[in-house]
Amino acid sequence: MAYTFKRMIEDSFDTAVERTIAALKTEGFGVLSDLDIQATLKTKIGADLQRYRILGACNPPLAHRSLQAEPDIGVMLPCNVIVREISPGKVEVAAINPLAAMGEIGNPRLTPIAAEVAEKLQRVITGL
């Protein structure tokens, strides 16, 4: 099972980020964190990297259900979505596949929740 859902889109990086955040909202996700990996690596270690952002997406009702089923699941929250520039005008957007990630936990109560989150994230990626 693939651990991500991903899609290549032709758009500017900034527009791709905006589109991704808007698509997440339509599926009930908010963005709790927005990490600029390019800037962080440049500042911390002087490394050059293409534009790369990690969006920490959270759907509060599904996060709540997950925490009720498995209190330690918080180590896997929020769901990460990456937006990375491949070349000018070409951007990859990828989201974690929660079925792959949560399947390793072995808690059958998480499976239907992970499936619901996976469906929503897949729609986000497909809809871009």
N, C-alpha and C. Protein backbone atom coordinates (compact mmCIF):
# COMPACT_ATOMS: atom_id res chain seq x y z
N MET A 1 0.85 -1.18 0.00
CA MET A 1 0.00 0.00 0.00
C MET A 1 0.89 1.24 0.00
N ALA A 2 0.60 2.17 -0.87
CA ALA A 2 1.37 3.42 -0.95
C ALA A 2 1.15 4.25 0.31
N TYR A 3 2.19 4.90 0.78
CA TYR A 3 2.06 5.70 1.99
C TYR A 3 1.67 7.14 1.70
N THR A 4 1.52 7.49 0.42
CA THR A 4 1.07 8.83 0.06
C THR A 4 0.05 8.79 -1.08
N PHE A 5 -0.71 9.86 -1.16
CA PHE A 5 -1.51 10.19 -2.33
C PHE A 5 -0.80 11.40 -2.92
N LYS A 6 -0.53 11.39 -4.22
CA LYS A 6 0.16 12.55 -4.77
C LYS A 6 -0.27 12.84 -6.19
N ARG A 7 -0.01 14.08 -6.57
CA ARG A 7 -0.39 14.53 -7.90
C ARG A 7 0.54 15.67 -8.32
N MET A 8 0.89 15.67 -9.57
CA MET A 8 1.67 16.75 -10.15
C MET A 8 0.70 17.74 -10.76
N ILE A 9 0.88 19.02 -10.48
CA ILE A 9 0.03 20.03 -11.08
C ILE A 9 0.89 21.10 -11.73
N GLU A 10 0.33 21.73 -12.73
CA GLU A 10 1.02 22.81 -13.41
C GLU A 10 0.42 24.11 -12.92
N ASP A 11 1.20 24.78 -12.09
CA ASP A 11 0.76 26.04 -11.50
C ASP A 11 1.96 26.66 -10.81
N SER A 12 1.82 27.90 -10.39
CA SER A 12 2.91 28.50 -9.61
C SER A 12 2.89 27.86 -8.21
N PHE A 13 4.01 27.89 -7.56
CA PHE A 13 4.12 27.29 -6.23
C PHE A 13 3.13 27.94 -5.26
N ASP A 14 3.11 29.27 -5.23
CA ASP A 14 2.22 29.97 -4.29
C ASP A 14 0.76 29.66 -4.55
N THR A 15 0.39 29.61 -5.81
CA THR A 15 -0.99 29.28 -6.15
C THR A 15 -1.30 27.83 -5.76
N ALA A 16 -0.36 26.94 -5.95
CA ALA A 16 -0.56 25.54 -5.56
C ALA A 16 -0.79 25.42 -4.06
N VAL A 17 -0.05 26.18 -3.27
CA VAL A 17 -0.26 26.17 -1.82
C VAL A 17 -1.66 26.67 -1.50
N GLU A 18 -2.05 27.79 -2.10
CA GLU A 18 -3.39 28.35 -1.86
C GLU A 18 -4.48 27.36 -2.26
N ARG A 19 -4.33 26.74 -3.42
CA ARG A 19 -5.32 25.75 -3.88
C ARG A 19 -5.40 24.57 -2.93
N THR A 20 -4.26 24.13 -2.44
CA THR A 20 -4.23 22.98 -1.53
C THR A 20 -4.94 23.32 -0.23
N ILE A 21 -4.66 24.47 0.33
CA ILE A 21 -5.31 24.88 1.58
C ILE A 21 -6.82 25.00 1.38
N ALA A 22 -7.24 25.57 0.25
CA ALA A 22 -8.68 25.70 -0.04
C ALA A 22 -9.32 24.32 -0.19
N ALA A 23 -8.65 23.40 -0.87
CA ALA A 23 -9.19 22.05 -1.05
C ALA A 23 -9.29 21.32 0.29
N LEU A 24 -8.31 21.52 1.15
CA LEU A 24 -8.38 20.91 2.49
C LEU A 24 -9.59 21.43 3.25
N LYS A 25 -9.85 22.72 3.16
CA LYS A 25 -11.00 23.31 3.85
C LYS A 25 -12.31 22.69 3.37
N THR A 26 -12.41 22.41 2.07
CA THR A 26 -13.67 21.83 1.56
C THR A 26 -13.92 20.45 2.15
N GLU A 27 -12.87 19.79 2.63
CA GLU A 27 -13.01 18.46 3.23
C GLU A 27 -12.99 18.51 4.76
N GLY A 28 -13.09 19.73 5.32
CA GLY A 28 -13.19 19.87 6.77
C GLY A 28 -11.87 19.96 7.51
N PHE A 29 -10.76 20.16 6.78
CA PHE A 29 -9.45 20.26 7.41
C PHE A 29 -9.04 21.72 7.57
N GLY A 30 -8.42 22.01 8.69
CA GLY A 30 -7.75 23.29 8.88
C GLY A 30 -6.26 23.02 8.85
N VAL A 31 -5.48 24.07 8.64
CA VAL A 31 -4.03 23.92 8.63
C VAL A 31 -3.50 24.44 9.96
N LEU A 32 -3.03 23.50 10.79
CA LEU A 32 -2.52 23.84 12.11
C LEU A 32 -1.07 24.33 12.08
N SER A 33 -0.33 23.86 11.11
CA SER A 33 1.07 24.27 10.99
C SER A 33 1.41 24.40 9.51
N ASP A 34 2.36 25.28 9.25
CA ASP A 34 2.81 25.52 7.88
C ASP A 34 4.32 25.72 7.96
N LEU A 35 5.05 24.69 7.61
CA LEU A 35 6.50 24.71 7.72
C LEU A 35 7.15 24.98 6.37
N ASP A 36 7.96 26.02 6.32
CA ASP A 36 8.70 26.35 5.11
C ASP A 36 10.05 25.64 5.21
N ILE A 37 10.13 24.47 4.63
CA ILE A 37 11.33 23.64 4.74
C ILE A 37 12.50 24.27 3.99
N GLN A 38 12.24 24.86 2.85
CA GLN A 38 13.30 25.52 2.09
C GLN A 38 13.99 26.58 2.94
N ALA A 39 13.21 27.47 3.55
CA ALA A 39 13.78 28.55 4.35
C ALA A 39 14.47 28.02 5.60
N THR A 40 13.87 27.02 6.24
CA THR A 40 14.45 26.46 7.46
C THR A 40 15.81 25.83 7.19
N LEU A 41 15.90 25.02 6.14
CA LEU A 41 17.18 24.37 5.84
C LEU A 41 18.24 25.38 5.41
N LYS A 42 17.82 26.42 4.71
CA LYS A 42 18.76 27.46 4.31
C LYS A 42 19.31 28.17 5.55
N THR A 43 18.43 28.52 6.47
CA THR A 43 18.84 29.23 7.68
C THR A 43 19.68 28.36 8.61
N LYS A 44 19.24 27.13 8.82
CA LYS A 44 19.89 26.26 9.81
C LYS A 44 21.20 25.65 9.33
N ILE A 45 21.25 25.22 8.06
CA ILE A 45 22.46 24.51 7.61
C ILE A 45 23.01 25.02 6.28
N GLY A 46 22.41 26.10 5.76
CA GLY A 46 22.90 26.67 4.52
C GLY A 46 22.58 25.84 3.28
N ALA A 47 21.67 24.89 3.41
CA ALA A 47 21.34 24.01 2.28
C ALA A 47 20.38 24.69 1.31
N ASP A 48 20.60 24.42 0.04
CA ASP A 48 19.69 24.91 -1.00
C ASP A 48 18.73 23.79 -1.36
N LEU A 49 17.46 24.12 -1.40
CA LEU A 49 16.40 23.16 -1.70
C LEU A 49 15.33 23.88 -2.49
N GLN A 50 14.63 23.14 -3.34
CA GLN A 50 13.50 23.73 -4.04
C GLN A 50 12.46 24.17 -3.01
N ARG A 51 11.51 24.99 -3.45
CA ARG A 51 10.44 25.43 -2.54
C ARG A 51 9.70 24.20 -2.04
N TYR A 52 9.49 24.15 -0.73
CA TYR A 52 8.94 22.94 -0.10
C TYR A 52 8.25 23.34 1.19
N ARG A 53 6.96 23.06 1.26
CA ARG A 53 6.19 23.38 2.46
C ARG A 53 5.51 22.12 2.97
N ILE A 54 5.44 22.00 4.27
CA ILE A 54 4.68 20.93 4.91
C ILE A 54 3.52 21.58 5.65
N LEU A 55 2.31 21.21 5.23
CA LEU A 55 1.09 21.71 5.86
C LEU A 55 0.57 20.64 6.82
N GLY A 56 0.40 21.00 8.06
CA GLY A 56 -0.16 20.07 9.05
C GLY A 56 -1.67 20.23 9.08
N ALA A 57 -2.37 19.31 8.43
CA ALA A 57 -3.82 19.41 8.27
C ALA A 57 -4.56 18.60 9.34
N CYS A 58 -5.62 19.20 9.88
CA CYS A 58 -6.39 18.53 10.92
C CYS A 58 -7.88 18.69 10.66
N ASN A 59 -8.60 17.58 10.75
CA ASN A 59 -10.05 17.56 10.70
C ASN A 59 -10.49 17.29 12.14
N PRO A 60 -10.92 18.31 12.89
CA PRO A 60 -11.16 18.14 14.32
C PRO A 60 -12.08 16.98 14.71
N PRO A 61 -13.23 16.76 14.05
CA PRO A 61 -14.06 15.63 14.47
C PRO A 61 -13.37 14.28 14.28
N LEU A 62 -12.62 14.14 13.19
CA LEU A 62 -11.93 12.87 12.95
C LEU A 62 -10.73 12.71 13.88
N ALA A 63 -10.05 13.81 14.18
CA ALA A 63 -8.95 13.75 15.15
C ALA A 63 -9.48 13.34 16.52
N HIS A 64 -10.62 13.89 16.90
CA HIS A 64 -11.23 13.56 18.19
C HIS A 64 -11.59 12.07 18.26
N ARG A 65 -12.21 11.58 17.21
CA ARG A 65 -12.56 10.15 17.17
C ARG A 65 -11.31 9.28 17.24
N SER A 66 -10.26 9.69 16.54
CA SER A 66 -9.01 8.93 16.56
C SER A 66 -8.41 8.89 17.95
N LEU A 67 -8.42 10.03 18.62
CA LEU A 67 -7.86 10.10 19.99
C LEU A 67 -8.68 9.27 20.97
N GLN A 68 -9.98 9.20 20.75
CA GLN A 68 -10.82 8.37 21.61
C GLN A 68 -10.51 6.89 21.40
N ALA A 69 -10.23 6.51 20.17
CA ALA A 69 -9.93 5.11 19.85
C ALA A 69 -8.52 4.72 20.26
N GLU A 70 -7.60 5.67 20.22
CA GLU A 70 -6.18 5.37 20.47
C GLU A 70 -5.52 6.65 21.02
N PRO A 71 -5.46 6.81 22.34
CA PRO A 71 -4.95 8.06 22.92
C PRO A 71 -3.55 8.47 22.44
N ASP A 72 -2.68 7.53 22.13
CA ASP A 72 -1.33 7.88 21.69
C ASP A 72 -1.25 8.24 20.21
N ILE A 73 -2.37 8.23 19.50
CA ILE A 73 -2.36 8.52 18.07
C ILE A 73 -1.91 9.96 17.78
N GLY A 74 -1.92 10.78 18.81
CA GLY A 74 -1.47 12.16 18.65
C GLY A 74 -0.06 12.28 18.09
N VAL A 75 0.76 11.24 18.27
CA VAL A 75 2.11 11.29 17.70
C VAL A 75 2.07 11.27 16.18
N MET A 76 0.93 10.89 15.61
CA MET A 76 0.80 10.82 14.15
C MET A 76 -0.07 11.95 13.60
N LEU A 77 -0.48 12.86 14.45
CA LEU A 77 -1.32 13.97 14.03
C LEU A 77 -0.51 15.26 14.05
N PRO A 78 -0.82 16.24 13.24
CA PRO A 78 -1.84 16.24 12.20
C PRO A 78 -1.36 15.48 10.95
N CYS A 79 -2.25 15.38 9.99
CA CYS A 79 -1.91 14.73 8.72
C CYS A 79 -1.04 15.68 7.91
N ASN A 80 0.11 15.21 7.49
CA ASN A 80 1.00 16.07 6.71
C ASN A 80 0.66 16.04 5.23
N VAL A 81 0.68 17.23 4.66
CA VAL A 81 0.48 17.43 3.23
C VAL A 81 1.67 18.26 2.76
N ILE A 82 2.37 17.79 1.73
CA ILE A 82 3.50 18.55 1.22
C ILE A 82 3.17 19.19 -0.11
N VAL A 83 3.75 20.36 -0.30
CA VAL A 83 3.69 21.06 -1.58
C VAL A 83 5.14 21.37 -1.91
N ARG A 84 5.62 20.80 -3.03
CA ARG A 84 7.03 21.04 -3.38
C ARG A 84 7.16 21.36 -4.86
N GLU A 85 8.00 22.35 -5.10
CA GLU A 85 8.24 22.79 -6.47
C GLU A 85 9.24 21.85 -7.13
N ILE A 86 8.84 21.29 -8.25
CA ILE A 86 9.72 20.42 -9.04
C ILE A 86 10.54 21.29 -9.99
N SER A 87 9.86 22.22 -10.64
CA SER A 87 10.48 23.21 -11.51
C SER A 87 9.48 24.35 -11.62
N PRO A 88 9.88 25.52 -12.13
CA PRO A 88 8.91 26.61 -12.23
C PRO A 88 7.66 26.18 -12.99
N GLY A 89 6.51 26.35 -12.35
CA GLY A 89 5.24 25.98 -12.97
C GLY A 89 4.87 24.52 -12.83
N LYS A 90 5.70 23.73 -12.17
CA LYS A 90 5.42 22.30 -11.97
C LYS A 90 5.59 21.99 -10.48
N VAL A 91 4.48 21.58 -9.85
CA VAL A 91 4.44 21.40 -8.40
C VAL A 91 3.84 20.04 -8.07
N GLU A 92 4.46 19.34 -7.12
CA GLU A 92 3.89 18.09 -6.62
C GLU A 92 3.22 18.37 -5.28
N VAL A 93 2.01 17.83 -5.14
CA VAL A 93 1.29 17.90 -3.87
C VAL A 93 1.06 16.47 -3.43
N ALA A 94 1.40 16.17 -2.18
CA ALA A 94 1.25 14.81 -1.66
C ALA A 94 0.70 14.87 -0.24
N ALA A 95 -0.10 13.88 0.10
CA ALA A 95 -0.66 13.75 1.44
C ALA A 95 -0.38 12.35 1.96
N ILE A 96 -0.25 12.25 3.25
CA ILE A 96 -0.06 10.94 3.87
C ILE A 96 -1.31 10.09 3.64
N ASN A 97 -1.09 8.80 3.45
CA ASN A 97 -2.20 7.85 3.40
C ASN A 97 -2.37 7.30 4.81
N PRO A 98 -3.38 7.75 5.54
CA PRO A 98 -3.53 7.32 6.92
C PRO A 98 -3.81 5.83 7.08
N LEU A 99 -4.34 5.18 6.06
CA LEU A 99 -4.54 3.74 6.15
C LEU A 99 -3.20 3.01 6.25
N ALA A 100 -2.22 3.48 5.49
CA ALA A 100 -0.88 2.87 5.55
C ALA A 100 -0.23 3.16 6.90
N ALA A 101 -0.33 4.41 7.35
CA ALA A 101 0.32 4.80 8.60
C ALA A 101 -0.34 4.16 9.82
N MET A 102 -1.65 4.23 9.89
CA MET A 102 -2.35 3.72 11.07
C MET A 102 -2.51 2.22 11.06
N GLY A 103 -2.35 1.60 9.91
CA GLY A 103 -2.45 0.15 9.84
C GLY A 103 -1.40 -0.55 10.67
N GLU A 104 -0.27 0.11 10.86
CA GLU A 104 0.82 -0.48 11.65
C GLU A 104 0.51 -0.50 13.14
N ILE A 105 -0.46 0.28 13.57
CA ILE A 105 -0.78 0.35 14.99
C ILE A 105 -1.49 -0.91 15.47
N GLY A 106 -2.29 -1.49 14.59
CA GLY A 106 -2.99 -2.72 14.94
C GLY A 106 -4.24 -2.54 15.78
N ASN A 107 -4.82 -1.35 15.78
CA ASN A 107 -6.06 -1.10 16.51
C ASN A 107 -7.20 -1.08 15.50
N PRO A 108 -8.06 -2.11 15.50
CA PRO A 108 -9.13 -2.16 14.51
C PRO A 108 -10.14 -1.02 14.63
N ARG A 109 -10.19 -0.36 15.77
CA ARG A 109 -11.10 0.78 15.93
C ARG A 109 -10.65 1.97 15.09
N LEU A 110 -9.37 2.00 14.73
CA LEU A 110 -8.85 3.10 13.93
C LEU A 110 -9.12 2.94 12.43
N THR A 111 -9.32 1.72 11.99
CA THR A 111 -9.43 1.45 10.56
C THR A 111 -10.54 2.25 9.88
N PRO A 112 -11.76 2.28 10.40
CA PRO A 112 -12.79 3.06 9.70
C PRO A 112 -12.52 4.57 9.74
N ILE A 113 -11.89 5.04 10.80
CA ILE A 113 -11.55 6.46 10.88
C ILE A 113 -10.47 6.78 9.86
N ALA A 114 -9.44 5.95 9.81
CA ALA A 114 -8.36 6.14 8.84
C ALA A 114 -8.89 6.08 7.42
N ALA A 115 -9.84 5.20 7.18
CA ALA A 115 -10.43 5.08 5.83
C ALA A 115 -11.17 6.37 5.46
N GLU A 116 -11.87 6.94 6.41
CA GLU A 116 -12.60 8.19 6.15
C GLU A 116 -11.63 9.34 5.87
N VAL A 117 -10.58 9.43 6.67
CA VAL A 117 -9.57 10.46 6.45
C VAL A 117 -8.90 10.26 5.09
N ALA A 118 -8.59 9.01 4.77
CA ALA A 118 -7.95 8.69 3.49
C ALA A 118 -8.83 9.13 2.32
N GLU A 119 -10.12 8.86 2.41
CA GLU A 119 -11.03 9.26 1.34
C GLU A 119 -11.02 10.77 1.15
N LYS A 120 -11.04 11.50 2.25
CA LYS A 120 -11.04 12.95 2.18
C LYS A 120 -9.74 13.49 1.60
N LEU A 121 -8.61 12.96 2.06
CA LEU A 121 -7.32 13.42 1.54
C LEU A 121 -7.15 13.05 0.07
N GLN A 122 -7.64 11.88 -0.31
CA GLN A 122 -7.57 11.48 -1.71
C GLN A 122 -8.38 12.44 -2.57
N ARG A 123 -9.55 12.86 -2.09
CA ARG A 123 -10.36 13.82 -2.85
C ARG A 123 -9.64 15.17 -2.97
N VAL A 124 -8.95 15.57 -1.89
CA VAL A 124 -8.19 16.82 -1.94
C VAL A 124 -7.17 16.75 -3.06
N ILE A 125 -6.38 15.69 -3.06
CA ILE A 125 -5.30 15.56 -4.05
C ILE A 125 -5.86 15.42 -5.47
N THR A 126 -6.86 14.59 -5.63
CA THR A 126 -7.45 14.37 -6.95
C THR A 126 -8.09 15.66 -7.49
N GLY A 127 -8.66 16.44 -6.60
CA GLY A 127 -9.37 17.64 -7.03
C GLY A 127 -8.50 18.82 -7.39
N LEU A 128 -7.21 18.73 -7.14
CA LEU A 128 -6.32 19.87 -7.45
C LEU A 128 -6.12 20.04 -8.94
